[in-house]
Amino acid sequence: MAYDEQLAERVRLTLAGREGHSERKMFGGIAFMLAGNMFCGIVKDELMVRVGPERHDDALSQPHARPMDFTGRAMRGMVYVQRDGFRTDSDLKQWVELGLMFAVSLPPK
């Protein structure tokens, strides 16, 4: 399993009713895009959230979050969230919304 399909479905349900988002296979998992900009994704069983450089430190202060180090180097503005960090639908929604807030600040691709 390249990514957690149940988590992907939970993200889809969180995004229900929102327009302009799409999905793309990437990073060996799945990425959720808004106007061509990635805002979150799933790699294995972790949520990946693009929070942006300004919210990076705040995001890392949250339980179960760590720097995204997909390439072996931490990527500022991106975090991984372990399963316990999005156990409830409310927790998942908060992370997805954080990614969406950054994505809407970017120009469409």
Protein backbone atom coordinates (compact mmCIF):
# COMPACT_ATOMS: atom_id res chain seq x y z
CA MET A 1 0.00 0.00 0.00
CA ALA A 2 1.60 3.26 -1.13
CA TYR A 3 -0.78 5.40 0.91
CA ASP A 4 -3.65 4.98 3.34
CA GLU A 5 -6.80 4.84 1.18
CA GLN A 6 -9.07 5.29 4.21
CA LEU A 7 -7.27 8.50 5.12
CA ALA A 8 -7.59 9.68 1.52
CA GLU A 9 -11.34 9.11 1.74
CA ARG A 10 -11.50 11.06 5.00
CA VAL A 11 -9.70 13.98 3.32
CA ARG A 12 -12.14 13.78 0.39
CA LEU A 13 -15.07 13.95 2.82
CA THR A 14 -13.48 16.95 4.53
CA LEU A 15 -13.26 18.67 1.13
CA ALA A 16 -16.82 17.79 0.08
CA GLY A 17 -18.60 20.84 -1.30
CA ARG A 18 -15.41 22.80 -1.99
CA GLU A 19 -14.67 23.65 -5.58
CA GLY A 20 -11.36 23.89 -7.36
CA HIS A 21 -9.51 21.02 -5.73
CA SER A 22 -8.06 18.00 -7.45
CA GLU A 23 -5.90 14.98 -6.70
CA ARG A 24 -2.60 13.90 -8.14
CA LYS A 25 -0.42 10.87 -7.44
CA MET A 26 2.90 12.18 -6.19
CA PHE A 27 5.65 11.36 -3.66
CA GLY A 28 4.62 7.70 -3.83
CA GLY A 29 1.30 8.77 -2.35
CA ILE A 30 -1.46 11.19 -3.21
CA ALA A 31 -1.50 14.98 -3.19
CA PHE A 32 -4.53 17.23 -2.91
CA MET A 33 -4.30 20.40 -4.96
CA LEU A 34 -6.10 23.72 -5.04
CA ALA A 35 -5.78 25.71 -8.27
CA GLY A 36 -2.72 23.62 -9.10
CA ASN A 37 -0.99 24.14 -5.74
CA MET A 38 -0.53 21.23 -3.35
CA PHE A 39 -1.99 21.87 0.10
CA CYS A 40 -1.89 18.40 1.65
CA GLY A 41 -1.22 14.81 0.81
CA ILE A 42 -0.76 11.34 2.15
CA VAL A 43 2.48 9.38 2.19
CA LYS A 44 2.04 5.88 3.58
CA ASP A 45 -0.09 6.49 6.68
CA GLU A 46 0.96 10.06 7.42
CA LEU A 47 -0.69 13.30 6.46
CA MET A 48 1.56 15.78 4.69
CA VAL A 49 0.49 19.41 5.03
CA ARG A 50 1.84 22.45 3.23
CA VAL A 51 1.55 25.12 5.90
CA GLY A 52 3.93 27.69 4.42
CA PRO A 53 7.08 29.16 5.95
CA GLU A 54 5.24 31.60 8.22
CA ARG A 55 3.18 28.88 9.95
CA HIS A 56 5.90 26.23 9.94
CA ASP A 57 7.08 26.62 13.54
CA ASP A 58 3.52 26.86 14.88
CA ALA A 59 2.58 23.69 13.01
CA LEU A 60 5.59 21.85 14.42
CA SER A 61 4.57 22.82 17.94
CA GLN A 62 1.39 20.74 17.52
CA PRO A 63 1.37 17.18 18.88
CA HIS A 64 2.38 14.47 16.41
CA ALA A 65 3.78 16.89 13.80
CA ARG A 66 7.32 16.76 12.48
CA PRO A 67 9.25 18.36 9.64
CA MET A 68 8.70 16.87 6.21
CA ASP A 69 12.01 15.27 5.32
CA PHE A 70 11.04 13.27 2.25
CA THR A 71 14.38 13.92 0.53
CA GLY A 72 16.45 13.54 3.72
CA ARG A 73 16.42 17.31 4.30
CA ALA A 74 13.65 19.10 6.14
CA MET A 75 11.48 21.23 3.85
CA ARG A 76 10.44 24.47 5.56
CA GLY A 77 6.73 25.05 5.16
CA MET A 78 5.87 21.35 4.97
CA VAL A 79 5.06 19.01 7.86
CA TYR A 80 4.15 15.39 8.37
CA VAL A 81 1.43 14.58 10.87
CA GLN A 82 1.33 11.13 12.42
CA ARG A 83 -1.94 9.22 12.72
CA ASP A 84 -2.58 10.30 16.34
CA GLY A 85 -2.54 13.92 15.17
CA PHE A 86 -5.65 13.46 12.99
CA ARG A 87 -7.48 10.70 14.82
CA THR A 88 -10.72 12.70 14.99
CA ASP A 89 -12.47 14.29 12.02
CA SER A 90 -12.12 17.66 13.75
CA ASP A 91 -8.33 17.24 14.01
CA LEU A 92 -8.11 16.23 10.36
CA LYS A 93 -10.22 19.19 9.31
CA GLN A 94 -7.94 21.60 11.20
CA TRP A 95 -4.87 20.27 9.36
CA VAL A 96 -6.58 20.33 5.97
CA GLU A 97 -7.82 23.88 6.59
CA LEU A 98 -4.29 24.96 7.53
CA GLY A 99 -3.04 23.65 4.19
CA LEU A 100 -5.91 25.30 2.33
CA MET A 101 -5.16 28.66 3.99
CA PHE A 102 -1.68 28.58 2.53
CA ALA A 103 -2.80 27.37 -0.89
CA VAL A 104 -5.31 30.21 -1.32
CA SER A 105 -2.47 32.69 -0.74
CA LEU A 106 -0.67 31.39 -3.84
CA PRO A 107 -1.35 32.33 -7.46
CA PRO A 108 -3.08 29.60 -9.49
CA LYS A 109 -0.83 27.42 -11.63
